[in-house]
Amino acid sequence: MEIKVSPKEDGATITYGDLEITITVKPIKKVITIAEVRAQLSEYADDLSIAEEAEGFVVRPVGYLGKEKFAAIAGKVRELGGTYISAGKESRFVIAKEASS
């Protein structure tokens, strides 16, 4: 019997006789630890409060950051798969505990 492999955008389909096997490739979820978050933001340790909460790792400024420092922290948070939530006095950066790598 002939084995046929048909590539797909997210994997492949393998056909062998009257059998068909579909393989789907997905990104592995990378588990991020609070230690990693703290290490990545260590340069700004005096300016931030970092805690593990239900919504993920929450990074809050302890005071005014200024435009340049805010942009640098936001960039590092994005690299970790996080986002900024603008909510007045409750504004914060949130990083999911599991991120796609």
PDB file of N, CA and C in Angstrom:
ATOM      1  N   MET A   1       0.827  -1.185   0.000  1.00  0.00           N
ATOM      2  CA  MET A   1       0.000   0.000   0.000  1.00  0.00           C
ATOM      3  C   MET A   1       0.871   1.249   0.000  1.00  0.00           C
ATOM      4  N   GLU A   2       0.353   2.267  -0.596  1.00  0.00           N
ATOM      5  CA  GLU A   2       1.074   3.529  -0.715  1.00  0.00           C
ATOM      6  C   GLU A   2       0.722   4.455   0.446  1.00  0.00           C
ATOM      7  N   ILE A   3       1.737   5.136   0.957  1.00  0.00           N
ATOM      8  CA  ILE A   3       1.533   6.149   1.993  1.00  0.00           C
ATOM      9  C   ILE A   3       1.582   7.507   1.316  1.00  0.00           C
ATOM     10  N   LYS A   4       0.546   8.304   1.551  1.00  0.00           N
ATOM     11  CA  LYS A   4       0.476   9.633   0.951  1.00  0.00           C
ATOM     12  C   LYS A   4       0.426  10.674   2.074  1.00  0.00           C
ATOM     13  N   VAL A   5       1.276  11.682   1.974  1.00  0.00           N
ATOM     14  CA  VAL A   5       1.304  12.769   2.953  1.00  0.00           C
ATOM     15  C   VAL A   5       0.873  14.046   2.243  1.00  0.00           C
ATOM     16  N   SER A   6      -0.183  14.658   2.757  1.00  0.00           N
ATOM     17  CA  SER A   6      -0.696  15.908   2.193  1.00  0.00           C
ATOM     18  C   SER A   6      -0.502  17.028   3.217  1.00  0.00           C
ATOM     19  N   PRO A   7       0.458  17.930   2.977  1.00  0.00           N
ATOM     20  CA  PRO A   7       0.688  19.032   3.919  1.00  0.00           C
ATOM     21  C   PRO A   7      -0.530  19.952   3.998  1.00  0.00           C
ATOM     22  N   LYS A   8      -0.776  20.470   5.191  1.00  0.00           N
ATOM     23  CA  LYS A   8      -1.827  21.462   5.422  1.00  0.00           C
ATOM     24  C   LYS A   8      -1.179  22.647   6.120  1.00  0.00           C
ATOM     25  N   GLU A   9      -1.884  23.735   6.185  1.00  0.00           N
ATOM     26  CA  GLU A   9      -1.331  24.939   6.804  1.00  0.00           C
ATOM     27  C   GLU A   9      -0.951  24.701   8.266  1.00  0.00           C
ATOM     28  N   ASP A  10      -1.732  23.905   8.975  1.00  0.00           N
ATOM     29  CA  ASP A  10      -1.483  23.676  10.397  1.00  0.00           C
ATOM     30  C   ASP A  10      -1.077  22.234  10.723  1.00  0.00           C
ATOM     31  N   GLY A  11      -0.519  21.517   9.738  1.00  0.00           N
ATOM     32  CA  GLY A  11      -0.105  20.132   9.983  1.00  0.00           C
ATOM     33  C   GLY A  11      -0.057  19.337   8.695  1.00  0.00           C
ATOM     34  N   ALA A  12      -0.635  18.137   8.732  1.00  0.00           N
ATOM     35  CA  ALA A  12      -0.623  17.279   7.549  1.00  0.00           C
ATOM     36  C   ALA A  12      -1.690  16.201   7.693  1.00  0.00           C
ATOM     37  N   THR A  13      -2.053  15.620   6.547  1.00  0.00           N
ATOM     38  CA  THR A  13      -2.933  14.458   6.527  1.00  0.00           C
ATOM     39  C   THR A  13      -2.149  13.322   5.886  1.00  0.00           C
ATOM     40  N   ILE A  14      -2.128  12.185   6.581  1.00  0.00           N
ATOM     41  CA  ILE A  14      -1.421  11.002   6.081  1.00  0.00           C
ATOM     42  C   ILE A  14      -2.481   9.972   5.707  1.00  0.00           C
ATOM     43  N   THR A  15      -2.395   9.486   4.482  1.00  0.00           N
ATOM     44  CA  THR A  15      -3.336   8.475   4.015  1.00  0.00           C
ATOM     45  C   THR A  15      -2.568   7.185   3.746  1.00  0.00           C
ATOM     46  N   TYR A  16      -3.102   6.082   4.308  1.00  0.00           N
ATOM     47  CA  TYR A  16      -2.508   4.760   4.114  1.00  0.00           C
ATOM     48  C   TYR A  16      -3.660   3.799   3.849  1.00  0.00           C
ATOM     49  N   GLY A  17      -3.801   3.404   2.593  1.00  0.00           N
ATOM     50  CA  GLY A  17      -4.936   2.558   2.220  1.00  0.00           C
ATOM     51  C   GLY A  17      -6.232   3.299   2.472  1.00  0.00           C
ATOM     52  N   ASP A  18      -7.112   2.691   3.270  1.00  0.00           N
ATOM     53  CA  ASP A  18      -8.385   3.357   3.574  1.00  0.00           C
ATOM     54  C   ASP A  18      -8.356   4.051   4.945  1.00  0.00           C
ATOM     55  N   LEU A  19      -7.139   4.262   5.484  1.00  0.00           N
ATOM     56  CA  LEU A  19      -6.979   4.970   6.749  1.00  0.00           C
ATOM     57  C   LEU A  19      -6.467   6.387   6.501  1.00  0.00           C
ATOM     58  N   GLU A  20      -6.954   7.300   7.302  1.00  0.00           N
ATOM     59  CA  GLU A  20      -6.505   8.683   7.187  1.00  0.00           C
ATOM     60  C   GLU A  20      -6.141   9.189   8.582  1.00  0.00           C
ATOM     61  N   ILE A  21      -4.948   9.742   8.716  1.00  0.00           N
ATOM     62  CA  ILE A  21      -4.474  10.308   9.978  1.00  0.00           C
ATOM     63  C   ILE A  21      -4.251  11.797   9.754  1.00  0.00           C
ATOM     64  N   THR A  22      -4.864  12.602  10.598  1.00  0.00           N
ATOM     65  CA  THR A  22      -4.683  14.054  10.505  1.00  0.00           C
ATOM     66  C   THR A  22      -3.846  14.515  11.684  1.00  0.00           C
ATOM     67  N   ILE A  23      -2.803  15.260  11.383  1.00  0.00           N
ATOM     68  CA  ILE A  23      -1.910  15.800  12.405  1.00  0.00           C
ATOM     69  C   ILE A  23      -2.070  17.320  12.398  1.00  0.00           C
ATOM     70  N   THR A  24      -2.358  17.857  13.564  1.00  0.00           N
ATOM     71  CA  THR A  24      -2.480  19.302  13.709  1.00  0.00           C
ATOM     72  C   THR A  24      -1.356  19.792  14.608  1.00  0.00           C
ATOM     73  N   VAL A  25      -0.665  20.824  14.161  1.00  0.00           N
ATOM     74  CA  VAL A  25       0.450  21.389  14.916  1.00  0.00           C
ATOM     75  C   VAL A  25      -0.043  22.656  15.609  1.00  0.00           C
ATOM     76  N   LYS A  26       0.144  22.699  16.935  1.00  0.00           N
ATOM     77  CA  LYS A  26      -0.259  23.864  17.725  1.00  0.00           C
ATOM     78  C   LYS A  26       0.936  24.317  18.546  1.00  0.00           C
ATOM     79  N   PRO A  27       0.985  25.609  18.868  1.00  0.00           N
ATOM     80  CA  PRO A  27       2.069  26.080  19.734  1.00  0.00           C
ATOM     81  C   PRO A  27       1.945  25.449  21.119  1.00  0.00           C
ATOM     82  N   ILE A  28       3.071  25.151  21.719  1.00  0.00           N
ATOM     83  CA  ILE A  28       3.094  24.611  23.071  1.00  0.00           C
ATOM     84  C   ILE A  28       2.873  25.755  24.043  1.00  0.00           C
ATOM     85  N   LYS A  29       2.055  25.503  25.040  1.00  0.00           N
ATOM     86  CA  LYS A  29       1.843  26.513  26.067  1.00  0.00           C
ATOM     87  C   LYS A  29       3.061  26.541  26.970  1.00  0.00           C
ATOM     88  N   LYS A  30       3.604  27.713  27.141  1.00  0.00           N
ATOM     89  CA  LYS A  30       4.755  27.881  28.018  1.00  0.00           C
ATOM     90  C   LYS A  30       4.247  28.377  29.367  1.00  0.00           C
ATOM     91  N   VAL A  31       4.602  27.689  30.417  1.00  0.00           N
ATOM     92  CA  VAL A  31       4.201  28.104  31.755  1.00  0.00           C
ATOM     93  C   VAL A  31       5.210  29.135  32.243  1.00  0.00           C
ATOM     94  N   ILE A  32       4.688  30.278  32.639  1.00  0.00           N
ATOM     95  CA  ILE A  32       5.527  31.369  33.124  1.00  0.00           C
ATOM     96  C   ILE A  32       5.415  31.397  34.646  1.00  0.00           C
ATOM     97  N   THR A  33       6.521  31.597  35.324  1.00  0.00           N
ATOM     98  CA  THR A  33       6.507  31.674  36.780  1.00  0.00           C
ATOM     99  C   THR A  33       6.636  33.120  37.234  1.00  0.00           C
ATOM    100  N   ILE A  34       6.227  33.361  38.459  1.00  0.00           N
ATOM    101  CA  ILE A  34       6.362  34.709  39.008  1.00  0.00           C
ATOM    102  C   ILE A  34       7.839  35.097  39.114  1.00  0.00           C
ATOM    103  N   ALA A  35       8.695  34.114  39.342  1.00  0.00           N
ATOM    104  CA  ALA A  35      10.140  34.385  39.399  1.00  0.00           C
ATOM    105  C   ALA A  35      10.645  34.898  38.057  1.00  0.00           C
ATOM    106  N   GLU A  36      10.143  34.306  36.957  1.00  0.00           N
ATOM    107  CA  GLU A  36      10.537  34.765  35.626  1.00  0.00           C
ATOM    108  C   GLU A  36      10.039  36.182  35.362  1.00  0.00           C
ATOM    109  N   VAL A  37       8.809  36.469  35.776  1.00  0.00           N
ATOM    110  CA  VAL A  37       8.258  37.817  35.605  1.00  0.00           C
ATOM    111  C   VAL A  37       9.115  38.817  36.382  1.00  0.00           C
ATOM    112  N   ARG A  38       9.423  38.476  37.626  1.00  0.00           N
ATOM    113  CA  ARG A  38      10.247  39.380  38.442  1.00  0.00           C
ATOM    114  C   ARG A  38      11.641  39.564  37.839  1.00  0.00           C
ATOM    115  N   ALA A  39      12.211  38.489  37.322  1.00  0.00           N
ATOM    116  CA  ALA A  39      13.550  38.577  36.718  1.00  0.00           C
ATOM    117  C   ALA A  39      13.525  39.472  35.479  1.00  0.00           C
ATOM    118  N   GLN A  40      12.502  39.324  34.645  1.00  0.00           N
ATOM    119  CA  GLN A  40      12.410  40.132  33.427  1.00  0.00           C
ATOM    120  C   GLN A  40      12.180  41.607  33.728  1.00  0.00           C
ATOM    121  N   LEU A  41      11.559  41.886  34.867  1.00  0.00           N
ATOM    122  CA  LEU A  41      11.261  43.274  35.237  1.00  0.00           C
ATOM    123  C   LEU A  41      12.141  43.768  36.385  1.00  0.00           C
ATOM    124  N   SER A  42      13.215  43.045  36.680  1.00  0.00           N
ATOM    125  CA  SER A  42      14.065  43.375  37.835  1.00  0.00           C
ATOM    126  C   SER A  42      14.636  44.794  37.778  1.00  0.00           C
ATOM    127  N   GLU A  43      14.877  45.285  36.597  1.00  0.00           N
ATOM    128  CA  GLU A  43      15.404  46.643  36.421  1.00  0.00           C
ATOM    129  C   GLU A  43      14.447  47.693  37.002  1.00  0.00           C
ATOM    130  N   TYR A  44      13.155  47.326  37.073  1.00  0.00           N
ATOM    131  CA  TYR A  44      12.125  48.257  37.536  1.00  0.00           C
ATOM    132  C   TYR A  44      11.511  47.817  38.865  1.00  0.00           C
ATOM    133  N   ALA A  45      12.209  46.961  39.615  1.00  0.00           N
ATOM    134  CA  ALA A  45      11.679  46.372  40.849  1.00  0.00           C
ATOM    135  C   ALA A  45      11.184  47.428  41.843  1.00  0.00           C
ATOM    136  N   ASP A  46      11.874  48.545  41.950  1.00  0.00           N
ATOM    137  CA  ASP A  46      11.475  49.588  42.907  1.00  0.00           C
ATOM    138  C   ASP A  46      10.223  50.334  42.464  1.00  0.00           C
ATOM    139  N   ASP A  47       9.874  50.213  41.187  1.00  0.00           N
ATOM    140  CA  ASP A  47       8.736  50.954  40.639  1.00  0.00           C
ATOM    141  C   ASP A  47       7.465  50.120  40.518  1.00  0.00           C
ATOM    142  N   LEU A  48       7.578  48.804  40.791  1.00  0.00           N
ATOM    143  CA  LEU A  48       6.457  47.901  40.512  1.00  0.00           C
ATOM    144  C   LEU A  48       6.107  47.004  41.689  1.00  0.00           C
ATOM    145  N   SER A  49       4.841  46.645  41.725  1.00  0.00           N
ATOM    146  CA  SER A  49       4.355  45.616  42.632  1.00  0.00           C
ATOM    147  C   SER A  49       3.951  44.444  41.734  1.00  0.00           C
ATOM    148  N   ILE A  50       4.496  43.259  41.980  1.00  0.00           N
ATOM    149  CA  ILE A  50       4.201  42.084  41.150  1.00  0.00           C
ATOM    150  C   ILE A  50       3.598  41.017  42.038  1.00  0.00           C
ATOM    151  N   ALA A  51       2.399  40.550  41.665  1.00  0.00           N
ATOM    152  CA  ALA A  51       1.702  39.557  42.478  1.00  0.00           C
ATOM    153  C   ALA A  51       1.018  38.526  41.581  1.00  0.00           C
ATOM    154  N   GLU A  52       0.839  37.336  42.128  1.00  0.00           N
ATOM    155  CA  GLU A  52       0.099  36.286  41.430  1.00  0.00           C
ATOM    156  C   GLU A  52      -1.343  36.369  41.907  1.00  0.00           C
ATOM    157  N   GLU A  53      -2.253  36.612  40.963  1.00  0.00           N
ATOM    158  CA  GLU A  53      -3.674  36.737  41.287  1.00  0.00           C
ATOM    159  C   GLU A  53      -4.470  35.827  40.363  1.00  0.00           C
ATOM    160  N   ALA A  54      -5.770  35.781  40.548  1.00  0.00           N
ATOM    161  CA  ALA A  54      -6.630  34.902  39.754  1.00  0.00           C
ATOM    162  C   ALA A  54      -6.517  35.180  38.256  1.00  0.00           C
ATOM    163  N   GLU A  55      -6.376  36.450  37.866  1.00  0.00           N
ATOM    164  CA  GLU A  55      -6.319  36.781  36.440  1.00  0.00           C
ATOM    165  C   GLU A  55      -4.941  36.568  35.826  1.00  0.00           C
ATOM    166  N   GLY A  56      -3.951  36.219  36.641  1.00  0.00           N
ATOM    167  CA  GLY A  56      -2.601  35.993  36.154  1.00  0.00           C
ATOM    168  C   GLY A  56      -1.604  36.727  37.030  1.00  0.00           C
ATOM    169  N   PHE A  57      -0.440  37.025  36.478  1.00  0.00           N
ATOM    170  CA  PHE A  57       0.554  37.803  37.204  1.00  0.00           C
ATOM    171  C   PHE A  57       0.218  39.266  36.974  1.00  0.00           C
ATOM    172  N   VAL A  58      -0.037  39.978  38.049  1.00  0.00           N
ATOM    173  CA  VAL A  58      -0.478  41.368  37.958  1.00  0.00           C
ATOM    174  C   VAL A  58       0.689  42.268  38.358  1.00  0.00           C
ATOM    175  N   VAL A  59       1.009  43.185  37.476  1.00  0.00           N
ATOM    176  CA  VAL A  59       2.111  44.122  37.667  1.00  0.00           C
ATOM    177  C   VAL A  59       1.503  45.518  37.771  1.00  0.00           C
ATOM    178  N   ARG A  60       1.679  46.130  38.929  1.00  0.00           N
ATOM    179  CA  ARG A  60       1.126  47.464  39.159  1.00  0.00           C
ATOM    180  C   ARG A  60       2.254  48.453  39.465  1.00  0.00           C
ATOM    181  N   PRO A  61       2.187  49.617  38.864  1.00  0.00           N
ATOM    182  CA  PRO A  61       3.145  50.664  39.227  1.00  0.00           C
ATOM    183  C   PRO A  61       2.872  51.122  40.659  1.00  0.00           C
ATOM    184  N   VAL A  62       3.913  51.416  41.423  1.00  0.00           N
ATOM    185  CA  VAL A  62       3.718  51.923  42.784  1.00  0.00           C
ATOM    186  C   VAL A  62       3.718  53.452  42.812  1.00  0.00           C
ATOM    187  N   GLY A  63       3.983  54.045  41.669  1.00  0.00           N
ATOM    188  CA  GLY A  63       3.964  55.494  41.540  1.00  0.00           C
ATOM    189  C   GLY A  63       3.976  55.852  40.064  1.00  0.00           C
ATOM    190  N   TYR A  64       4.135  57.119  39.785  1.00  0.00           N
ATOM    191  CA  TYR A  64       4.178  57.577  38.395  1.00  0.00           C
ATOM    192  C   TYR A  64       5.448  57.065  37.725  1.00  0.00           C
ATOM    193  N   LEU A  65       5.293  56.449  36.550  1.00  0.00           N
ATOM    194  CA  LEU A  65       6.431  55.863  35.845  1.00  0.00           C
ATOM    195  C   LEU A  65       7.091  56.803  34.846  1.00  0.00           C
ATOM    196  N   GLY A  66       6.327  57.704  34.297  1.00  0.00           N
ATOM    197  CA  GLY A  66       6.843  58.526  33.207  1.00  0.00           C
ATOM    198  C   GLY A  66       6.706  57.767  31.891  1.00  0.00           C
ATOM    199  N   LYS A  67       6.749  58.511  30.810  1.00  0.00           N
ATOM    200  CA  LYS A  67       6.501  57.946  29.479  1.00  0.00           C
ATOM    201  C   LYS A  67       7.533  56.881  29.081  1.00  0.00           C
ATOM    202  N   GLU A  68       8.807  57.168  29.254  1.00  0.00           N
ATOM    203  CA  GLU A  68       9.857  56.244  28.805  1.00  0.00           C
ATOM    204  C   GLU A  68       9.861  54.945  29.614  1.00  0.00           C
ATOM    205  N   LYS A  69       9.762  55.068  30.932  1.00  0.00           N
ATOM    206  CA  LYS A  69       9.778  53.886  31.785  1.00  0.00           C
ATOM    207  C   LYS A  69       8.525  53.034  31.535  1.00  0.00           C
ATOM    208  N   PHE A  70       7.364  53.706  31.398  1.00  0.00           N
ATOM    209  CA  PHE A  70       6.125  52.982  31.115  1.00  0.00           C
ATOM    210  C   PHE A  70       6.258  52.191  29.814  1.00  0.00           C
ATOM    211  N   ALA A  71       6.791  52.826  28.780  1.00  0.00           N
ATOM    212  CA  ALA A  71       6.946  52.161  27.473  1.00  0.00           C
ATOM    213  C   ALA A  71       7.895  50.966  27.574  1.00  0.00           C
ATOM    214  N   ALA A  72       8.971  51.107  28.325  1.00  0.00           N
ATOM    215  CA  ALA A  72       9.928  50.006  28.483  1.00  0.00           C
ATOM    216  C   ALA A  72       9.293  48.828  29.219  1.00  0.00           C
ATOM    217  N   ILE A  73       8.550  49.119  30.281  1.00  0.00           N
ATOM    218  CA  ILE A  73       7.874  48.058  31.042  1.00  0.00           C
ATOM    219  C   ILE A  73       6.804  47.405  30.185  1.00  0.00           C
ATOM    220  N   ALA A  74       6.041  48.210  29.461  1.00  0.00           N
ATOM    221  CA  ALA A  74       4.991  47.663  28.585  1.00  0.00           C
ATOM    222  C   ALA A  74       5.596  46.728  27.542  1.00  0.00           C
ATOM    223  N   GLY A  75       6.756  47.085  27.007  1.00  0.00           N
ATOM    224  CA  GLY A  75       7.424  46.237  26.025  1.00  0.00           C
ATOM    225  C   GLY A  75       7.834  44.896  26.616  1.00  0.00           C
ATOM    226  N   LYS A  76       8.385  44.915  27.820  1.00  0.00           N
ATOM    227  CA  LYS A  76       8.789  43.665  28.481  1.00  0.00           C
ATOM    228  C   LYS A  76       7.564  42.810  28.807  1.00  0.00           C
ATOM    229  N   VAL A  77       6.486  43.452  29.248  1.00  0.00           N
ATOM    230  CA  VAL A  77       5.252  42.719  29.559  1.00  0.00           C
ATOM    231  C   VAL A  77       4.699  42.067  28.296  1.00  0.00           C
ATOM    232  N   ARG A  78       4.721  42.779  27.170  1.00  0.00           N
ATOM    233  CA  ARG A  78       4.257  42.205  25.892  1.00  0.00           C
ATOM    234  C   ARG A  78       5.105  41.004  25.494  1.00  0.00           C
ATOM    235  N   GLU A  79       6.419  41.092  25.699  1.00  0.00           N
ATOM    236  CA  GLU A  79       7.307  39.966  25.385  1.00  0.00           C
ATOM    237  C   GLU A  79       6.928  38.722  26.196  1.00  0.00           C
ATOM    238  N   LEU A  80       6.379  38.933  27.386  1.00  0.00           N
ATOM    239  CA  LEU A  80       5.951  37.829  28.238  1.00  0.00           C
ATOM    240  C   LEU A  80       4.514  37.398  27.945  1.00  0.00           C
ATOM    241  N   GLY A  81       3.910  38.010  26.932  1.00  0.00           N
ATOM    242  CA  GLY A  81       2.536  37.651  26.555  1.00  0.00           C
ATOM    243  C   GLY A  81       1.478  38.425  27.307  1.00  0.00           C
ATOM    244  N   GLY A  82       1.870  39.507  27.971  1.00  0.00           N
ATOM    245  CA  GLY A  82       0.940  40.282  28.777  1.00  0.00           C
ATOM    246  C   GLY A  82       0.364  41.477  28.057  1.00  0.00           C
ATOM    247  N   THR A  83      -0.496  42.168  28.761  1.00  0.00           N
ATOM    248  CA  THR A  83      -1.178  43.333  28.208  1.00  0.00           C
ATOM    249  C   THR A  83      -1.397  44.367  29.312  1.00  0.00           C
ATOM    250  N   TYR A  84      -1.714  45.589  28.922  1.00  0.00           N
ATOM    251  CA  TYR A  84      -2.006  46.652  29.865  1.00  0.00           C
ATOM    252  C   TYR A  84      -3.507  46.843  29.935  1.00  0.00           C
ATOM    253  N   ILE A  85      -4.029  46.935  31.138  1.00  0.00           N
ATOM    254  CA  ILE A  85      -5.452  47.197  31.337  1.00  0.00           C
ATOM    255  C   ILE A  85      -5.576  48.583  31.951  1.00  0.00           C
ATOM    256  N   SER A  86      -6.158  49.498  31.189  1.00  0.00           N
ATOM    257  CA  SER A  86      -6.348  50.867  31.647  1.00  0.00           C
ATOM    258  C   SER A  86      -7.666  50.937  32.412  1.00  0.00           C
ATOM    259  N   ALA A  87      -7.582  51.215  33.713  1.00  0.00           N
ATOM    260  CA  ALA A  87      -8.777  51.246  34.551  1.00  0.00           C
ATOM    261  C   ALA A  87      -8.618  52.263  35.681  1.00  0.00           C
ATOM    262  N   GLY A  88      -8.148  53.449  35.320  1.00  0.00           N
ATOM    263  CA  GLY A  88      -7.974  54.488  36.330  1.00  0.00           C
ATOM    264  C   GLY A  88      -6.984  54.061  37.401  1.00  0.00           C
ATOM    265  N   LYS A  89      -7.396  54.161  38.679  1.00  0.00           N
ATOM    266  CA  LYS A  89      -6.505  53.784  39.781  1.00  0.00           C
ATOM    267  C   LYS A  89      -6.259  52.282  39.829  1.00  0.00           C
ATOM    268  N   GLU A  90      -7.072  51.504  39.130  1.00  0.00           N
ATOM    269  CA  GLU A  90      -6.904  50.045  39.085  1.00  0.00           C
ATOM    270  C   GLU A  90      -6.157  49.591  37.825  1.00  0.00           C
ATOM    271  N   SER A  91      -5.542  50.526  37.102  1.00  0.00           N
ATOM    272  CA  SER A  91      -4.775  50.178  35.902  1.00  0.00           C
ATOM    273  C   SER A  91      -3.639  49.238  36.283  1.00  0.00           C
ATOM    274  N   ARG A  92      -3.357  48.309  35.376  1.00  0.00           N
ATOM    275  CA  ARG A  92      -2.339  47.308  35.677  1.00  0.00           C
ATOM    276  C   ARG A  92      -1.915  46.592  34.411  1.00  0.00           C
ATOM    277  N   PHE A  93      -0.792  45.907  34.493  1.00  0.00           N
ATOM    278  CA  PHE A  93      -0.347  44.986  33.459  1.00  0.00           C
ATOM    279  C   PHE A  93      -0.733  43.593  33.935  1.00  0.00           C
ATOM    280  N   VAL A  94      -1.206  42.754  33.017  1.00  0.00           N
ATOM    281  CA  VAL A  94      -1.571  41.384  33.380  1.00  0.00           C
ATOM    282  C   VAL A  94      -0.868  40.438  32.422  1.00  0.00           C
ATOM    283  N   ILE A  95      -0.202  39.421  32.992  1.00  0.00           N
ATOM    284  CA  ILE A  95       0.490  38.415  32.218  1.00  0.00           C
ATOM    285  C   ILE A  95      -0.144  37.073  32.544  1.00  0.00           C
ATOM    286  N   ALA A  96      -0.631  36.372  31.517  1.00  0.00           N
ATOM    287  CA  ALA A  96      -1.244  35.059  31.728  1.00  0.00           C
ATOM    288  C   ALA A  96      -0.199  34.092  32.271  1.00  0.00           C
ATOM    289  N   LYS A  97      -0.646  33.154  33.100  1.00  0.00           N
ATOM    290  CA  LYS A  97       0.276  32.176  33.683  1.00  0.00           C
ATOM    291  C   LYS A  97       0.763  31.180  32.637  1.00  0.00           C
ATOM    292  N   GLU A  98      -0.027  30.973  31.598  1.00  0.00           N
ATOM    293  CA  GLU A  98       0.389  30.142  30.467  1.00  0.00           C
ATOM    294  C   GLU A  98       0.297  30.998  29.227  1.00  0.00           C
ATOM    295  N   ALA A  99       1.361  31.045  28.466  1.00  0.00           N
ATOM    296  CA  ALA A  99       1.378  31.852  27.252  1.00  0.00           C
ATOM    297  C   ALA A  99       1.798  30.970  26.085  1.00  0.00           C
ATOM    298  N   SER A 100       1.264  31.274  24.910  1.00  0.00           N
ATOM    299  CA  SER A 100       1.711  30.573  23.709  1.00  0.00           C
ATOM    300  C   SER A 100       3.123  31.004  23.402  1.00  0.00           C
ATOM    301  N   SER A 101       3.951  30.057  23.050  1.00  0.00           N
ATOM    302  CA  SER A 101       5.330  30.423  22.719  1.00  0.00           C
ATOM    303  C   SER A 101       5.535  30.423  21.235  1.00  0.00           C
TER     304      SER A 101
END
